[in-house]
Amino acid sequence: MDRNKRHNTRIDAGFEAYVTVGDVVTPVSTRNLSLKGALLEGCGDCLAGTACELHLPLSPGIRIVVSGEIVRAMGEFAAMSFKEMDELSFTFLHRLVTLNAERPEEVDEELLRVFEKL
């Protein structure tokens, strides 16, 4: 997708993580990350339409855990759309994206637009 059509700030992020689909755990690496989703590398067995959970360890005992769905699968890459996360995971994800964004102020502006629609 053209970067200009995206509504969420994405950061280039090569974090080691893993995806769980049912009982299957697959180690992956994030290629990019936003508040709404991630592009995952190493997810060759992931199929579009599959419910999954992303676990992104930040440090011992601290991790972001997000439930979602694989929306596109392209060879070793899969695009995941985030559907649900707990408050602590959202706080860590928001901070991670904000700290690594080229324009950090836009991340909060995106959130305000979401709340305006509610």
C-alpha atoms as a PDB file:
ATOM      1  CA  MET A   1       0.000   0.000   0.000  1.00  0.00           C
ATOM      2  CA  ASP A   2       1.178   3.477  -0.772  1.00  0.00           C
ATOM      3  CA  ARG A   3       2.549   5.163   2.361  1.00  0.00           C
ATOM      4  CA  ASN A   4       0.421   8.232   1.588  1.00  0.00           C
ATOM      5  CA  LYS A   5      -2.779   6.197   1.923  1.00  0.00           C
ATOM      6  CA  ARG A   6      -1.883   4.895   5.382  1.00  0.00           C
ATOM      7  CA  HIS A   7      -3.612   6.492   8.311  1.00  0.00           C
ATOM      8  CA  ASN A   8      -1.222   5.314  11.017  1.00  0.00           C
ATOM      9  CA  THR A   9       2.418   6.106  11.640  1.00  0.00           C
ATOM     10  CA  ARG A  10       4.615   3.109  10.944  1.00  0.00           C
ATOM     11  CA  ILE A  11       8.108   2.662  12.283  1.00  0.00           C
ATOM     12  CA  ASP A  12      10.816   0.469  10.827  1.00  0.00           C
ATOM     13  CA  ALA A  13      11.361  -2.045  13.582  1.00  0.00           C
ATOM     14  CA  GLY A  14      13.362  -5.253  13.497  1.00  0.00           C
ATOM     15  CA  PHE A  15      12.199  -6.691  16.819  1.00  0.00           C
ATOM     16  CA  GLU A  16      12.362 -10.401  17.514  1.00  0.00           C
ATOM     17  CA  ALA A  17       8.884 -11.667  18.395  1.00  0.00           C
ATOM     18  CA  TYR A  18       6.656 -14.674  17.964  1.00  0.00           C
ATOM     19  CA  VAL A  19       3.195 -15.358  16.624  1.00  0.00           C
ATOM     20  CA  THR A  20       0.853 -17.971  18.036  1.00  0.00           C
ATOM     21  CA  VAL A  21      -1.876 -19.538  15.939  1.00  0.00           C
ATOM     22  CA  GLY A  22      -3.718 -22.054  18.089  1.00  0.00           C
ATOM     23  CA  ASP A  23      -0.975 -24.192  19.641  1.00  0.00           C
ATOM     24  CA  VAL A  24       1.635 -23.339  16.985  1.00  0.00           C
ATOM     25  CA  VAL A  25       4.315 -20.821  17.964  1.00  0.00           C
ATOM     26  CA  THR A  26       6.311 -19.236  15.123  1.00  0.00           C
ATOM     27  CA  PRO A  27       9.366 -17.027  15.732  1.00  0.00           C
ATOM     28  CA  VAL A  28       9.175 -13.876  13.595  1.00  0.00           C
ATOM     29  CA  SER A  29      10.807 -10.503  13.196  1.00  0.00           C
ATOM     30  CA  THR A  30       8.846  -7.291  12.834  1.00  0.00           C
ATOM     31  CA  ARG A  31       9.672  -5.288   9.705  1.00  0.00           C
ATOM     32  CA  ASN A  32       7.452  -2.374  10.628  1.00  0.00           C
ATOM     33  CA  LEU A  33       5.029  -1.611  13.394  1.00  0.00           C
ATOM     34  CA  SER A  34       2.145   0.779  14.067  1.00  0.00           C
ATOM     35  CA  LEU A  35      -0.592   1.118  16.665  1.00  0.00           C
ATOM     36  CA  LYS A  36      -2.884  -0.832  14.329  1.00  0.00           C
ATOM     37  CA  GLY A  37      -0.685  -3.586  12.922  1.00  0.00           C
ATOM     38  CA  ALA A  38       2.661  -5.044  11.955  1.00  0.00           C
ATOM     39  CA  LEU A  39       4.489  -6.507   8.992  1.00  0.00           C
ATOM     40  CA  LEU A  40       6.063  -9.780  10.092  1.00  0.00           C
ATOM     41  CA  GLU A  41       8.969 -11.641   8.507  1.00  0.00           C
ATOM     42  CA  GLY A  42       9.360 -15.382   8.984  1.00  0.00           C
ATOM     43  CA  CYS A  43       5.660 -16.110   8.920  1.00  0.00           C
ATOM     44  CA  GLY A  44       5.631 -18.219   5.758  1.00  0.00           C
ATOM     45  CA  ASP A  45       2.986 -20.555   7.169  1.00  0.00           C
ATOM     46  CA  CYS A  46       0.619 -17.741   8.151  1.00  0.00           C
ATOM     47  CA  LEU A  47      -2.548 -17.598   6.065  1.00  0.00           C
ATOM     48  CA  ALA A  48      -4.726 -14.552   5.410  1.00  0.00           C
ATOM     49  CA  GLY A  49      -7.848 -14.584   7.552  1.00  0.00           C
ATOM     50  CA  THR A  50      -6.180 -16.462  10.402  1.00  0.00           C
ATOM     51  CA  ALA A  51      -6.665 -15.250  13.980  1.00  0.00           C
ATOM     52  CA  CYS A  52      -3.367 -14.967  15.827  1.00  0.00           C
ATOM     53  CA  GLU A  53      -1.547 -13.385  18.734  1.00  0.00           C
ATOM     54  CA  LEU A  54       1.698 -11.421  18.546  1.00  0.00           C
ATOM     55  CA  HIS A  55       4.102 -11.524  21.490  1.00  0.00           C
ATOM     56  CA  LEU A  56       6.787  -8.849  21.420  1.00  0.00           C
ATOM     57  CA  PRO A  57       9.246  -9.157  24.338  1.00  0.00           C
ATOM     58  CA  LEU A  58      10.737  -5.785  25.281  1.00  0.00           C
ATOM     59  CA  SER A  59      12.812  -6.918  28.255  1.00  0.00           C
ATOM     60  CA  PRO A  60      12.660  -9.753  30.802  1.00  0.00           C
ATOM     61  CA  GLY A  61       9.134  -9.766  32.205  1.00  0.00           C
ATOM     62  CA  ILE A  62       7.865  -6.991  29.898  1.00  0.00           C
ATOM     63  CA  ARG A  63       6.118  -7.787  26.643  1.00  0.00           C
ATOM     64  CA  ILE A  64       3.484  -6.478  24.296  1.00  0.00           C
ATOM     65  CA  VAL A  65       0.752  -9.040  23.610  1.00  0.00           C
ATOM     66  CA  VAL A  66      -1.755  -8.293  20.848  1.00  0.00           C
ATOM     67  CA  SER A  67      -4.579 -10.380  19.382  1.00  0.00           C
ATOM     68  CA  GLY A  68      -5.370  -9.871  15.744  1.00  0.00           C
ATOM     69  CA  GLU A  69      -5.663 -11.329  12.300  1.00  0.00           C
ATOM     70  CA  ILE A  70      -3.367 -11.992   9.382  1.00  0.00           C
ATOM     71  CA  VAL A  71      -4.795  -9.794   6.643  1.00  0.00           C
ATOM     72  CA  ARG A  72      -2.187 -10.487   3.934  1.00  0.00           C
ATOM     73  CA  ALA A  73       0.360 -13.241   3.423  1.00  0.00           C
ATOM     74  CA  MET A  74       3.170 -12.768   0.881  1.00  0.00           C
ATOM     75  CA  GLY A  75       5.835 -15.489   0.940  1.00  0.00           C
ATOM     76  CA  GLU A  76       7.809 -15.122   4.173  1.00  0.00           C
ATOM     77  CA  PHE A  77       5.954 -11.910   5.082  1.00  0.00           C
ATOM     78  CA  ALA A  78       2.553 -11.483   6.700  1.00  0.00           C
ATOM     79  CA  ALA A  79       0.634  -8.330   7.532  1.00  0.00           C
ATOM     80  CA  MET A  80      -1.168  -8.484  10.864  1.00  0.00           C
ATOM     81  CA  SER A  81      -4.031  -6.195  11.853  1.00  0.00           C
ATOM     82  CA  PHE A  82      -4.312  -5.632  15.609  1.00  0.00           C
ATOM     83  CA  LYS A  83      -7.757  -6.197  17.103  1.00  0.00           C
ATOM     84  CA  GLU A  84      -7.311  -6.308  20.873  1.00  0.00           C
ATOM     85  CA  MET A  85      -4.692  -5.713  23.563  1.00  0.00           C
ATOM     86  CA  ASP A  86      -4.681  -4.976  27.253  1.00  0.00           C
ATOM     87  CA  GLU A  87      -4.024  -1.506  28.613  1.00  0.00           C
ATOM     88  CA  LEU A  88      -0.416  -2.199  29.559  1.00  0.00           C
ATOM     89  CA  SER A  89       0.437  -3.601  26.120  1.00  0.00           C
ATOM     90  CA  PHE A  90      -1.160  -0.551  24.500  1.00  0.00           C
ATOM     91  CA  THR A  91       0.875   1.757  26.726  1.00  0.00           C
ATOM     92  CA  PHE A  92       4.124   0.006  25.768  1.00  0.00           C
ATOM     93  CA  LEU A  93       3.208  -0.083  22.061  1.00  0.00           C
ATOM     94  CA  HIS A  94       2.220   3.588  22.034  1.00  0.00           C
ATOM     95  CA  ARG A  95       5.487   4.561  23.724  1.00  0.00           C
ATOM     96  CA  LEU A  96       7.553   2.375  21.380  1.00  0.00           C
ATOM     97  CA  VAL A  97       5.955   3.837  18.252  1.00  0.00           C
ATOM     98  CA  THR A  98       6.141   7.418  19.571  1.00  0.00           C
ATOM     99  CA  LEU A  99       9.812   7.146  20.526  1.00  0.00           C
ATOM    100  CA  ASN A 100      10.761   5.759  17.108  1.00  0.00           C
ATOM    101  CA  ALA A 101       8.498   7.853  14.862  1.00  0.00           C
ATOM    102  CA  GLU A 102       9.928  10.515  12.563  1.00  0.00           C
ATOM    103  CA  ARG A 103       7.086  12.792  13.676  1.00  0.00           C
ATOM    104  CA  PRO A 104       6.080  11.696  17.201  1.00  0.00           C
ATOM    105  CA  GLU A 105       3.368  14.362  17.478  1.00  0.00           C
ATOM    106  CA  GLU A 106       1.434  12.639  14.673  1.00  0.00           C
ATOM    107  CA  VAL A 107       0.990   9.465  16.747  1.00  0.00           C
ATOM    108  CA  ASP A 108      -1.123  11.294  19.327  1.00  0.00           C
ATOM    109  CA  GLU A 109      -2.999  13.149  16.587  1.00  0.00           C
ATOM    110  CA  GLU A 110      -3.944   9.761  15.093  1.00  0.00           C
ATOM    111  CA  LEU A 111      -5.313   8.660  18.449  1.00  0.00           C
ATOM    112  CA  LEU A 112      -7.371  11.830  18.777  1.00  0.00           C
ATOM    113  CA  ARG A 113      -8.927  11.186  15.346  1.00  0.00           C
ATOM    114  CA  VAL A 114      -9.931   7.683  16.477  1.00  0.00           C
ATOM    115  CA  PHE A 115     -11.609   9.014  19.631  1.00  0.00           C
ATOM    116  CA  GLU A 116     -13.376  11.751  17.668  1.00  0.00           C
ATOM    117  CA  LYS A 117     -15.074   9.044  15.594  1.00  0.00           C
ATOM    118  CA  LEU A 118     -16.487   7.302  18.693  1.00  0.00           C
END
